[in-house]
Amino acid sequence: MKYWTGAIALLIVAIVAGVAFVLWDEAALSIRTFGWDFWRTSVWDPVAGEFGARPFIWGTLYSSILALLIATPVAIGIAVFLSDWCPHALRTPLVFLTELLAAIPSIVYGLWGIFVLVPAVRELQLALPDWIRAMPLFSGPPVGVSMLSAAVVLAIMIVPFTSSVAREVLKSVPASQREAAYAVGATRWEATVVALHNARTGILGAVMLGFGRALGETMAVTMVIGNNPQAKWSLFAPQYTMSAVIANEFTEAADQLHLDSLVEIGLVLFVITLVVNLASRALVWRLNRARTA
């Protein structure tokens, strides 16, 4: 059993290495042509043969971080309510409804975003005073398809993943932790804070799981972000992500350089995802080390 499980673990590592090698090999022309400038430049012109991934890297990270900021408090609140505060009769149906969100296809989220969220974002932008809309963070054409729409859709999509894992982590906190808090006179909320403190490592892992989910989302984001290859701070400006540009242009690549550039964007996304996962593991390790000390 030890050798079989060890072989399976090594197989996973080999698959990841194989994916990296294939992406590197298929993007060889783009890597030789542009080098590190591919990461830094912003021009994406298939006609002129100039390709730079900076707007797509920016759009992917910006939308994912915004989604994380929106979804994390909501997901942790849901997890706390379902684990500590929810009446027993409501717990099972609410858990089912929360986890049902994870089963909805991303294309459905995209359609909902087009018909419901995009008009709402457009109305929100038009309702803002002119002096606010003149600020760089809120500037842009009132079209609705924007960075804010993509961030909200992503936040809704990652809430069930984060809340489900966080709820299981809170359930795994020993009851003696809460009982000890009650024994020294803590209120119910203070006992919940104690449970959150003990579960902080697992909750961080749940948050990073949601972040990883947001980084690679394609269809829903493609339908509501506007697909404009520009890196801007504005929440209402149409922008682009790495997954979206691959989905939109891969089957219509004009030449081999265009195709290899799209593959290199996939390689960049692979590297960013790997770095995020390594950083999250390092952060969890530091928390575990501090907790052990």
C-alpha atoms as a PDB file:
ATOM      1  CA  MET A   1       0.000   0.000   0.000  1.00  0.00           C
ATOM      2  CA  LYS A   2       2.858   2.380   0.801  1.00  0.00           C
ATOM      3  CA  TYR A   3       4.428   1.893  -2.626  1.00  0.00           C
ATOM      4  CA  TRP A   4       1.110   2.158  -4.484  1.00  0.00           C
ATOM      5  CA  THR A   5       0.114   5.385  -2.729  1.00  0.00           C
ATOM      6  CA  GLY A   6       3.632   6.756  -3.214  1.00  0.00           C
ATOM      7  CA  ALA A   7       3.448   5.976  -6.928  1.00  0.00           C
ATOM      8  CA  ILE A   8       0.098   7.776  -7.216  1.00  0.00           C
ATOM      9  CA  ALA A   9       1.538  10.810  -5.437  1.00  0.00           C
ATOM     10  CA  LEU A  10       4.499  10.856  -7.820  1.00  0.00           C
ATOM     11  CA  LEU A  11       2.104  10.496 -10.754  1.00  0.00           C
ATOM     12  CA  ILE A  12       0.355  13.726  -9.736  1.00  0.00           C
ATOM     13  CA  VAL A  13       3.707  15.512  -9.618  1.00  0.00           C
ATOM     14  CA  ALA A  14       4.597  14.063 -13.027  1.00  0.00           C
ATOM     15  CA  ILE A  15       1.296  15.256 -14.514  1.00  0.00           C
ATOM     16  CA  VAL A  16       1.881  18.803 -13.264  1.00  0.00           C
ATOM     17  CA  ALA A  17       5.424  18.766 -14.622  1.00  0.00           C
ATOM     18  CA  GLY A  18       4.130  17.373 -17.917  1.00  0.00           C
ATOM     19  CA  VAL A  19       1.571  20.154 -18.234  1.00  0.00           C
ATOM     20  CA  ALA A  20       4.292  22.754 -17.631  1.00  0.00           C
ATOM     21  CA  PHE A  21       6.577  21.129 -20.223  1.00  0.00           C
ATOM     22  CA  VAL A  22       3.862  20.939 -22.888  1.00  0.00           C
ATOM     23  CA  LEU A  23       2.890  24.590 -22.366  1.00  0.00           C
ATOM     24  CA  TRP A  24       6.529  25.661 -22.545  1.00  0.00           C
ATOM     25  CA  ASP A  25       7.149  23.598 -25.687  1.00  0.00           C
ATOM     26  CA  GLU A  26       4.018  24.812 -27.489  1.00  0.00           C
ATOM     27  CA  ALA A  27       4.789  28.443 -26.592  1.00  0.00           C
ATOM     28  CA  ALA A  28       8.430  28.240 -27.712  1.00  0.00           C
ATOM     29  CA  LEU A  29       8.034  30.620 -30.677  1.00  0.00           C
ATOM     30  CA  SER A  30       6.401  33.309 -28.542  1.00  0.00           C
ATOM     31  CA  ILE A  31       8.986  32.884 -25.763  1.00  0.00           C
ATOM     32  CA  ARG A  32      11.880  33.264 -28.241  1.00  0.00           C
ATOM     33  CA  THR A  33      10.284  36.245 -29.969  1.00  0.00           C
ATOM     34  CA  PHE A  34       9.230  38.375 -27.004  1.00  0.00           C
ATOM     35  CA  GLY A  35      11.089  37.037 -23.964  1.00  0.00           C
ATOM     36  CA  TRP A  36      10.232  38.827 -20.717  1.00  0.00           C
ATOM     37  CA  ASP A  37       8.655  41.681 -22.678  1.00  0.00           C
ATOM     38  CA  PHE A  38       5.626  39.419 -23.097  1.00  0.00           C
ATOM     39  CA  TRP A  39       4.904  39.870 -19.382  1.00  0.00           C
ATOM     40  CA  ARG A  40       5.529  43.648 -19.359  1.00  0.00           C
ATOM     41  CA  THR A  41       4.061  45.081 -22.569  1.00  0.00           C
ATOM     42  CA  SER A  42       0.416  45.964 -23.148  1.00  0.00           C
ATOM     43  CA  VAL A  43       0.033  45.829 -26.946  1.00  0.00           C
ATOM     44  CA  TRP A  44      -2.092  42.946 -28.255  1.00  0.00           C
ATOM     45  CA  ASP A  45      -2.243  43.279 -32.039  1.00  0.00           C
ATOM     46  CA  PRO A  46      -2.511  40.015 -34.029  1.00  0.00           C
ATOM     47  CA  VAL A  47      -2.357  41.928 -37.320  1.00  0.00           C
ATOM     48  CA  ALA A  48       0.979  43.558 -36.498  1.00  0.00           C
ATOM     49  CA  GLY A  49       2.279  40.454 -34.728  1.00  0.00           C
ATOM     50  CA  GLU A  50       2.783  42.248 -31.406  1.00  0.00           C
ATOM     51  CA  PHE A  51       1.661  40.490 -28.249  1.00  0.00           C
ATOM     52  CA  GLY A  52       1.911  41.489 -24.601  1.00  0.00           C
ATOM     53  CA  ALA A  53       0.106  39.842 -21.705  1.00  0.00           C
ATOM     54  CA  ARG A  54       0.173  42.654 -19.142  1.00  0.00           C
ATOM     55  CA  PRO A  55      -3.515  43.686 -19.525  1.00  0.00           C
ATOM     56  CA  PHE A  56      -4.643  40.078 -19.153  1.00  0.00           C
ATOM     57  CA  ILE A  57      -2.451  39.451 -16.104  1.00  0.00           C
ATOM     58  CA  TRP A  58      -3.773  42.644 -14.551  1.00  0.00           C
ATOM     59  CA  GLY A  59      -7.403  41.782 -15.315  1.00  0.00           C
ATOM     60  CA  THR A  60      -7.071  38.269 -13.894  1.00  0.00           C
ATOM     61  CA  LEU A  61      -5.433  39.364 -10.639  1.00  0.00           C
ATOM     62  CA  TYR A  62      -7.591  42.467 -10.202  1.00  0.00           C
ATOM     63  CA  SER A  63     -10.904  40.655 -10.713  1.00  0.00           C
ATOM     64  CA  SER A  64      -9.856  37.739  -8.501  1.00  0.00           C
ATOM     65  CA  ILE A  65      -8.690  39.966  -5.640  1.00  0.00           C
ATOM     66  CA  LEU A  66     -11.859  42.063  -5.818  1.00  0.00           C
ATOM     67  CA  ALA A  67     -13.953  38.889  -5.799  1.00  0.00           C
ATOM     68  CA  LEU A  68     -12.003  37.634  -2.795  1.00  0.00           C
ATOM     69  CA  LEU A  69     -12.611  40.884  -0.893  1.00  0.00           C
ATOM     70  CA  ILE A  70     -16.337  40.636  -1.592  1.00  0.00           C
ATOM     71  CA  ALA A  71     -16.764  36.899  -1.023  1.00  0.00           C
ATOM     72  CA  THR A  72     -14.595  36.260   2.044  1.00  0.00           C
ATOM     73  CA  PRO A  73     -16.713  38.059   4.678  1.00  0.00           C
ATOM     74  CA  VAL A  74     -19.897  36.623   3.177  1.00  0.00           C
ATOM     75  CA  ALA A  75     -18.534  33.072   3.066  1.00  0.00           C
ATOM     76  CA  ILE A  76     -17.137  33.195   6.613  1.00  0.00           C
ATOM     77  CA  GLY A  77     -20.402  34.678   7.862  1.00  0.00           C
ATOM     78  CA  ILE A  78     -22.345  31.840   6.253  1.00  0.00           C
ATOM     79  CA  ALA A  79     -19.965  29.275   7.749  1.00  0.00           C
ATOM     80  CA  VAL A  80     -20.238  30.772  11.248  1.00  0.00           C
ATOM     81  CA  PHE A  81     -24.021  30.972  11.058  1.00  0.00           C
ATOM     82  CA  LEU A  82     -24.450  27.402   9.814  1.00  0.00           C
ATOM     83  CA  SER A  83     -21.998  25.914  12.320  1.00  0.00           C
ATOM     84  CA  ASP A  84     -22.857  27.863  15.496  1.00  0.00           C
ATOM     85  CA  TRP A  85     -25.977  29.983  15.197  1.00  0.00           C
ATOM     86  CA  CYS A  86     -28.411  28.386  12.770  1.00  0.00           C
ATOM     87  CA  PRO A  87     -31.531  26.639  14.195  1.00  0.00           C
ATOM     88  CA  HIS A  88     -31.267  22.898  13.725  1.00  0.00           C
ATOM     89  CA  ALA A  89     -34.400  22.705  11.547  1.00  0.00           C
ATOM     90  CA  LEU A  90     -32.957  25.184   9.032  1.00  0.00           C
ATOM     91  CA  ARG A  91     -29.377  23.929   8.969  1.00  0.00           C
ATOM     92  CA  THR A  92     -29.772  21.047   6.503  1.00  0.00           C
ATOM     93  CA  PRO A  93     -31.798  22.949   3.864  1.00  0.00           C
ATOM     94  CA  LEU A  94     -29.512  25.978   4.099  1.00  0.00           C
ATOM     95  CA  VAL A  95     -26.415  23.816   3.718  1.00  0.00           C
ATOM     96  CA  PHE A  96     -28.004  22.173   0.686  1.00  0.00           C
ATOM     97  CA  LEU A  97     -28.886  25.513  -0.909  1.00  0.00           C
ATOM     98  CA  THR A  98     -25.414  26.923  -0.273  1.00  0.00           C
ATOM     99  CA  GLU A  99     -23.672  23.932  -1.796  1.00  0.00           C
ATOM    100  CA  LEU A 100     -26.127  23.943  -4.696  1.00  0.00           C
ATOM    101  CA  LEU A 101     -24.545  27.202  -5.885  1.00  0.00           C
ATOM    102  CA  ALA A 102     -21.332  25.284  -6.558  1.00  0.00           C
ATOM    103  CA  ALA A 103     -23.170  22.925  -8.918  1.00  0.00           C
ATOM    104  CA  ILE A 104     -24.539  25.660 -11.184  1.00  0.00           C
ATOM    105  CA  PRO A 105     -22.588  25.801 -14.486  1.00  0.00           C
ATOM    106  CA  SER A 106     -20.532  28.924 -15.057  1.00  0.00           C
ATOM    107  CA  ILE A 107     -22.394  29.658 -18.296  1.00  0.00           C
ATOM    108  CA  VAL A 108     -25.577  30.061 -16.238  1.00  0.00           C
ATOM    109  CA  TYR A 109     -23.828  32.580 -14.009  1.00  0.00           C
ATOM    110  CA  GLY A 110     -22.733  34.375 -17.160  1.00  0.00           C
ATOM    111  CA  LEU A 111     -26.278  34.554 -18.518  1.00  0.00           C
ATOM    112  CA  TRP A 112     -27.540  35.823 -15.169  1.00  0.00           C
ATOM    113  CA  GLY A 113     -24.771  38.395 -15.234  1.00  0.00           C
ATOM    114  CA  ILE A 114     -25.737  39.618 -18.713  1.00  0.00           C
ATOM    115  CA  PHE A 115     -29.474  39.950 -18.055  1.00  0.00           C
ATOM    116  CA  VAL A 116     -29.515  40.979 -14.382  1.00  0.00           C
ATOM    117  CA  LEU A 117     -26.134  42.111 -13.067  1.00  0.00           C
ATOM    118  CA  VAL A 118     -24.893  44.138 -16.045  1.00  0.00           C
ATOM    119  CA  PRO A 119     -28.017  46.374 -16.167  1.00  0.00           C
ATOM    120  CA  ALA A 120     -27.804  46.813 -12.383  1.00  0.00           C
ATOM    121  CA  VAL A 121     -24.152  47.876 -12.580  1.00  0.00           C
ATOM    122  CA  ARG A 122     -24.997  50.286 -15.398  1.00  0.00           C
ATOM    123  CA  GLU A 123     -27.795  51.846 -13.342  1.00  0.00           C
ATOM    124  CA  LEU A 124     -25.467  52.092 -10.339  1.00  0.00           C
ATOM    125  CA  GLN A 125     -22.857  53.917 -12.395  1.00  0.00           C
ATOM    126  CA  LEU A 126     -25.411  56.342 -13.845  1.00  0.00           C
ATOM    127  CA  ALA A 127     -26.781  57.029 -10.347  1.00  0.00           C
ATOM    128  CA  LEU A 128     -23.396  58.127  -9.040  1.00  0.00           C
ATOM    129  CA  PRO A 129     -22.717  61.892  -8.871  1.00  0.00           C
ATOM    130  CA  ASP A 130     -20.593  63.333 -11.638  1.00  0.00           C
ATOM    131  CA  TRP A 131     -17.709  64.166  -9.290  1.00  0.00           C
ATOM    132  CA  ILE A 132     -17.465  60.514  -8.251  1.00  0.00           C
ATOM    133  CA  ARG A 133     -17.643  59.275 -11.832  1.00  0.00           C
ATOM    134  CA  ALA A 134     -14.767  61.603 -12.688  1.00  0.00           C
ATOM    135  CA  MET A 135     -12.489  59.759 -10.245  1.00  0.00           C
ATOM    136  CA  PRO A 136     -10.152  57.175 -11.864  1.00  0.00           C
ATOM    137  CA  LEU A 137     -11.609  54.359  -9.755  1.00  0.00           C
ATOM    138  CA  PHE A 138     -15.147  54.983 -11.026  1.00  0.00           C
ATOM    139  CA  SER A 139     -14.570  56.346 -14.532  1.00  0.00           C
ATOM    140  CA  GLY A 140     -15.545  54.587 -17.724  1.00  0.00           C
ATOM    141  CA  PRO A 141     -18.409  54.298 -20.201  1.00  0.00           C
ATOM    142  CA  PRO A 142     -21.783  53.342 -18.670  1.00  0.00           C
ATOM    143  CA  VAL A 143     -22.094  50.040 -20.507  1.00  0.00           C
ATOM    144  CA  GLY A 144     -22.383  47.660 -17.529  1.00  0.00           C
ATOM    145  CA  VAL A 145     -19.894  45.080 -18.807  1.00  0.00           C
ATOM    146  CA  SER A 146     -16.957  45.919 -16.586  1.00  0.00           C
ATOM    147  CA  MET A 147     -14.483  44.814 -13.955  1.00  0.00           C
ATOM    148  CA  LEU A 148     -17.090  45.259 -11.201  1.00  0.00           C
ATOM    149  CA  SER A 149     -19.543  42.927 -12.950  1.00  0.00           C
ATOM    150  CA  ALA A 150     -16.858  40.273 -13.320  1.00  0.00           C
ATOM    151  CA  ALA A 151     -15.790  40.615  -9.672  1.00  0.00           C
ATOM    152  CA  VAL A 152     -19.362  40.243  -8.400  1.00  0.00           C
ATOM    153  CA  VAL A 153     -19.998  37.163 -10.546  1.00  0.00           C
ATOM    154  CA  LEU A 154     -16.728  35.615  -9.372  1.00  0.00           C
ATOM    155  CA  ALA A 155     -17.567  36.413  -5.743  1.00  0.00           C
ATOM    156  CA  ILE A 156     -20.910  34.650  -6.026  1.00  0.00           C
ATOM    157  CA  MET A 157     -19.231  31.635  -7.635  1.00  0.00           C
ATOM    158  CA  ILE A 158     -16.539  31.207  -4.974  1.00  0.00           C
ATOM    159  CA  VAL A 159     -18.775  31.759  -1.925  1.00  0.00           C
ATOM    160  CA  PRO A 160     -20.058  28.139  -1.802  1.00  0.00           C
ATOM    161  CA  PHE A 161     -16.531  26.696  -2.043  1.00  0.00           C
ATOM    162  CA  THR A 162     -15.113  28.907   0.683  1.00  0.00           C
ATOM    163  CA  SER A 163     -18.121  28.643   3.007  1.00  0.00           C
ATOM    164  CA  SER A 164     -18.370  24.843   2.722  1.00  0.00           C
ATOM    165  CA  VAL A 165     -14.708  24.288   3.615  1.00  0.00           C
ATOM    166  CA  ALA A 166     -14.803  26.920   6.365  1.00  0.00           C
ATOM    167  CA  ARG A 167     -17.945  25.350   7.847  1.00  0.00           C
ATOM    168  CA  GLU A 168     -16.318  21.913   7.975  1.00  0.00           C
ATOM    169  CA  VAL A 169     -13.248  23.439   9.617  1.00  0.00           C
ATOM    170  CA  LEU A 170     -15.377  25.137  12.267  1.00  0.00           C
ATOM    171  CA  LYS A 171     -17.240  21.884  12.892  1.00  0.00           C
ATOM    172  CA  SER A 172     -13.914  20.147  13.497  1.00  0.00           C
ATOM    173  CA  VAL A 173     -12.955  22.543  16.305  1.00  0.00           C
ATOM    174  CA  PRO A 174     -13.282  20.516  19.548  1.00  0.00           C
ATOM    175  CA  ALA A 175     -16.379  21.324  21.600  1.00  0.00           C
ATOM    176  CA  SER A 176     -14.114  21.680  24.618  1.00  0.00           C
ATOM    177  CA  GLN A 177     -12.790  24.958  23.137  1.00  0.00           C
ATOM    178  CA  ARG A 178     -16.235  26.532  23.200  1.00  0.00           C
ATOM    179  CA  GLU A 179     -17.052  24.961  26.579  1.00  0.00           C
ATOM    180  CA  ALA A 180     -13.857  26.386  28.055  1.00  0.00           C
ATOM    181  CA  ALA A 181     -14.829  29.845  26.777  1.00  0.00           C
ATOM    182  CA  TYR A 182     -18.287  29.525  28.349  1.00  0.00           C
ATOM    183  CA  ALA A 183     -16.692  28.334  31.582  1.00  0.00           C
ATOM    184  CA  VAL A 184     -14.749  31.570  32.028  1.00  0.00           C
ATOM    185  CA  GLY A 185     -17.840  33.692  31.361  1.00  0.00           C
ATOM    186  CA  ALA A 186     -17.642  34.278  27.604  1.00  0.00           C
ATOM    187  CA  THR A 187     -20.746  35.216  25.667  1.00  0.00           C
ATOM    188  CA  ARG A 188     -21.928  33.142  22.728  1.00  0.00           C
ATOM    189  CA  TRP A 189     -20.248  35.493  20.278  1.00  0.00           C
ATOM    190  CA  GLU A 190     -16.987  35.420  22.233  1.00  0.00           C
ATOM    191  CA  ALA A 191     -17.070  31.618  22.172  1.00  0.00           C
ATOM    192  CA  THR A 192     -17.514  31.825  18.391  1.00  0.00           C
ATOM    193  CA  VAL A 193     -14.478  34.114  18.190  1.00  0.00           C
ATOM    194  CA  VAL A 194     -12.487  31.479  20.102  1.00  0.00           C
ATOM    195  CA  ALA A 195     -13.576  28.850  17.564  1.00  0.00           C
ATOM    196  CA  LEU A 196     -12.610  31.145  14.691  1.00  0.00           C
ATOM    197  CA  HIS A 197      -9.189  31.702  16.231  1.00  0.00           C
ATOM    198  CA  ASN A 198      -8.580  27.965  16.524  1.00  0.00           C
ATOM    199  CA  ALA A 199      -9.819  27.370  12.964  1.00  0.00           C
ATOM    200  CA  ARG A 200      -7.915  30.256  11.363  1.00  0.00           C
ATOM    201  CA  THR A 201      -5.490  28.008   9.481  1.00  0.00           C
ATOM    202  CA  GLY A 202      -8.253  25.988   7.844  1.00  0.00           C
ATOM    203  CA  ILE A 203     -10.274  29.114   7.099  1.00  0.00           C
ATOM    204  CA  LEU A 204      -7.255  30.629   5.379  1.00  0.00           C
ATOM    205  CA  GLY A 205      -6.980  27.485   3.288  1.00  0.00           C
ATOM    206  CA  ALA A 206     -10.665  27.826   2.355  1.00  0.00           C
ATOM    207  CA  VAL A 207     -10.128  31.436   1.293  1.00  0.00           C
ATOM    208  CA  MET A 208      -7.135  30.499  -0.858  1.00  0.00           C
ATOM    209  CA  LEU A 209      -9.169  27.685  -2.432  1.00  0.00           C
ATOM    210  CA  GLY A 210     -11.733  30.275  -3.477  1.00  0.00           C
ATOM    211  CA  PHE A 211      -8.962  32.519  -4.810  1.00  0.00           C
ATOM    212  CA  GLY A 212      -7.610  29.695  -6.939  1.00  0.00           C
ATOM    213  CA  ARG A 213     -11.123  29.047  -8.240  1.00  0.00           C
ATOM    214  CA  ALA A 214     -11.478  32.704  -9.214  1.00  0.00           C
ATOM    215  CA  LEU A 215      -8.140  32.833 -11.058  1.00  0.00           C
ATOM    216  CA  GLY A 216      -9.106  30.166 -13.564  1.00  0.00           C
ATOM    217  CA  GLU A 217     -12.767  31.004 -14.208  1.00  0.00           C
ATOM    218  CA  THR A 218     -13.498  31.529 -17.894  1.00  0.00           C
ATOM    219  CA  MET A 219     -17.000  31.628 -19.337  1.00  0.00           C
ATOM    220  CA  ALA A 220     -18.860  33.704 -16.753  1.00  0.00           C
ATOM    221  CA  VAL A 221     -16.097  36.307 -16.681  1.00  0.00           C
ATOM    222  CA  THR A 222     -15.813  36.383 -20.482  1.00  0.00           C
ATOM    223  CA  MET A 223     -19.495  37.248 -20.761  1.00  0.00           C
ATOM    224  CA  VAL A 224     -19.520  40.218 -18.366  1.00  0.00           C
ATOM    225  CA  ILE A 225     -16.029  41.778 -18.196  1.00  0.00           C
ATOM    226  CA  GLY A 226     -16.140  43.542 -21.577  1.00  0.00           C
ATOM    227  CA  ASN A 227     -13.025  41.941 -23.140  1.00  0.00           C
ATOM    228  CA  ASN A 228     -10.996  45.108 -23.659  1.00  0.00           C
ATOM    229  CA  PRO A 229      -7.211  44.545 -23.347  1.00  0.00           C
ATOM    230  CA  GLN A 230      -6.415  47.560 -21.181  1.00  0.00           C
ATOM    231  CA  ALA A 231      -5.055  47.650 -17.637  1.00  0.00           C
ATOM    232  CA  LYS A 232      -7.010  50.218 -15.608  1.00  0.00           C
ATOM    233  CA  TRP A 233      -7.948  50.833 -11.983  1.00  0.00           C
ATOM    234  CA  SER A 234     -11.519  51.728 -12.887  1.00  0.00           C
ATOM    235  CA  LEU A 235     -14.225  49.378 -11.634  1.00  0.00           C
ATOM    236  CA  PHE A 236     -16.529  50.372 -14.506  1.00  0.00           C
ATOM    237  CA  ALA A 237     -14.031  50.001 -17.370  1.00  0.00           C
ATOM    238  CA  PRO A 238     -14.254  46.940 -19.648  1.00  0.00           C
ATOM    239  CA  GLN A 239     -11.133  44.818 -19.204  1.00  0.00           C
ATOM    240  CA  TYR A 240      -9.837  41.326 -20.018  1.00  0.00           C
ATOM    241  CA  THR A 241      -8.522  38.185 -18.300  1.00  0.00           C
ATOM    242  CA  MET A 242      -6.108  35.463 -19.384  1.00  0.00           C
ATOM    243  CA  SER A 243      -8.754  32.739 -19.460  1.00  0.00           C
ATOM    244  CA  ALA A 244     -11.119  34.936 -21.463  1.00  0.00           C
ATOM    245  CA  VAL A 245      -8.623  35.808 -24.200  1.00  0.00           C
ATOM    246  CA  ILE A 246      -7.679  32.141 -24.634  1.00  0.00           C
ATOM    247  CA  ALA A 247     -11.345  31.154 -24.897  1.00  0.00           C
ATOM    248  CA  ASN A 248     -12.133  33.934 -27.372  1.00  0.00           C
ATOM    249  CA  GLU A 249      -9.146  33.722 -29.719  1.00  0.00           C
ATOM    250  CA  PHE A 250      -7.675  30.230 -29.570  1.00  0.00           C
ATOM    251  CA  THR A 251      -9.797  28.740 -32.361  1.00  0.00           C
ATOM    252  CA  GLU A 252      -9.361  31.851 -34.532  1.00  0.00           C
ATOM    253  CA  ALA A 253      -5.600  32.409 -34.173  1.00  0.00           C
ATOM    254  CA  ALA A 254      -4.331  34.221 -37.249  1.00  0.00           C
ATOM    255  CA  ASP A 255      -0.920  32.555 -37.459  1.00  0.00           C
ATOM    256  CA  GLN A 256       1.524  30.391 -35.497  1.00  0.00           C
ATOM    257  CA  LEU A 257       2.890  33.319 -33.467  1.00  0.00           C
ATOM    258  CA  HIS A 258      -0.621  34.280 -32.402  1.00  0.00           C
ATOM    259  CA  LEU A 259      -1.351  30.698 -31.392  1.00  0.00           C
ATOM    260  CA  ASP A 260       1.903  30.354 -29.458  1.00  0.00           C
ATOM    261  CA  SER A 261       1.232  33.656 -27.690  1.00  0.00           C
ATOM    262  CA  LEU A 262      -2.114  32.332 -26.490  1.00  0.00           C
ATOM    263  CA  VAL A 263      -0.419  29.172 -25.248  1.00  0.00           C
ATOM    264  CA  GLU A 264       2.125  31.324 -23.422  1.00  0.00           C
ATOM    265  CA  ILE A 265      -0.735  33.140 -21.715  1.00  0.00           C
ATOM    266  CA  GLY A 266      -1.846  29.717 -20.505  1.00  0.00           C
ATOM    267  CA  LEU A 267       1.701  29.154 -19.260  1.00  0.00           C
ATOM    268  CA  VAL A 268       1.630  32.507 -17.433  1.00  0.00           C
ATOM    269  CA  LEU A 269      -1.696  31.571 -15.810  1.00  0.00           C
ATOM    270  CA  PHE A 270      -0.202  28.216 -14.800  1.00  0.00           C
ATOM    271  CA  VAL A 271       2.796  29.947 -13.199  1.00  0.00           C
ATOM    272  CA  ILE A 272       0.631  32.496 -11.358  1.00  0.00           C
ATOM    273  CA  THR A 273      -1.647  29.759 -10.038  1.00  0.00           C
ATOM    274  CA  LEU A 274       1.379  27.760  -8.883  1.00  0.00           C
ATOM    275  CA  VAL A 275       2.873  30.797  -7.139  1.00  0.00           C
ATOM    276  CA  VAL A 276      -0.426  31.588  -5.407  1.00  0.00           C
ATOM    277  CA  ASN A 277      -0.736  28.018  -4.174  1.00  0.00           C
ATOM    278  CA  LEU A 278       2.859  27.960  -2.914  1.00  0.00           C
ATOM    279  CA  ALA A 279       2.340  31.304  -1.158  1.00  0.00           C
ATOM    280  CA  SER A 280      -0.846  30.058   0.489  1.00  0.00           C
ATOM    281  CA  ARG A 281       0.894  26.886   1.654  1.00  0.00           C
ATOM    282  CA  ALA A 282       3.740  28.962   3.100  1.00  0.00           C
ATOM    283  CA  LEU A 283       1.248  31.187   4.922  1.00  0.00           C
ATOM    284  CA  VAL A 284      -0.620  28.185   6.323  1.00  0.00           C
ATOM    285  CA  TRP A 285       2.696  26.673   7.412  1.00  0.00           C
ATOM    286  CA  ARG A 286       3.641  29.880   9.223  1.00  0.00           C
ATOM    287  CA  LEU A 287       0.290  29.960  11.016  1.00  0.00           C
ATOM    288  CA  ASN A 288       0.669  26.307  12.025  1.00  0.00           C
ATOM    289  CA  ARG A 289       4.190  26.973  13.266  1.00  0.00           C
ATOM    290  CA  ALA A 290       3.054  29.958  15.329  1.00  0.00           C
ATOM    291  CA  ARG A 291       0.137  27.955  16.710  1.00  0.00           C
ATOM    292  CA  THR A 292       2.443  25.066  17.698  1.00  0.00           C
ATOM    293  CA  ALA A 293       4.872  27.461  19.384  1.00  0.00           C
END
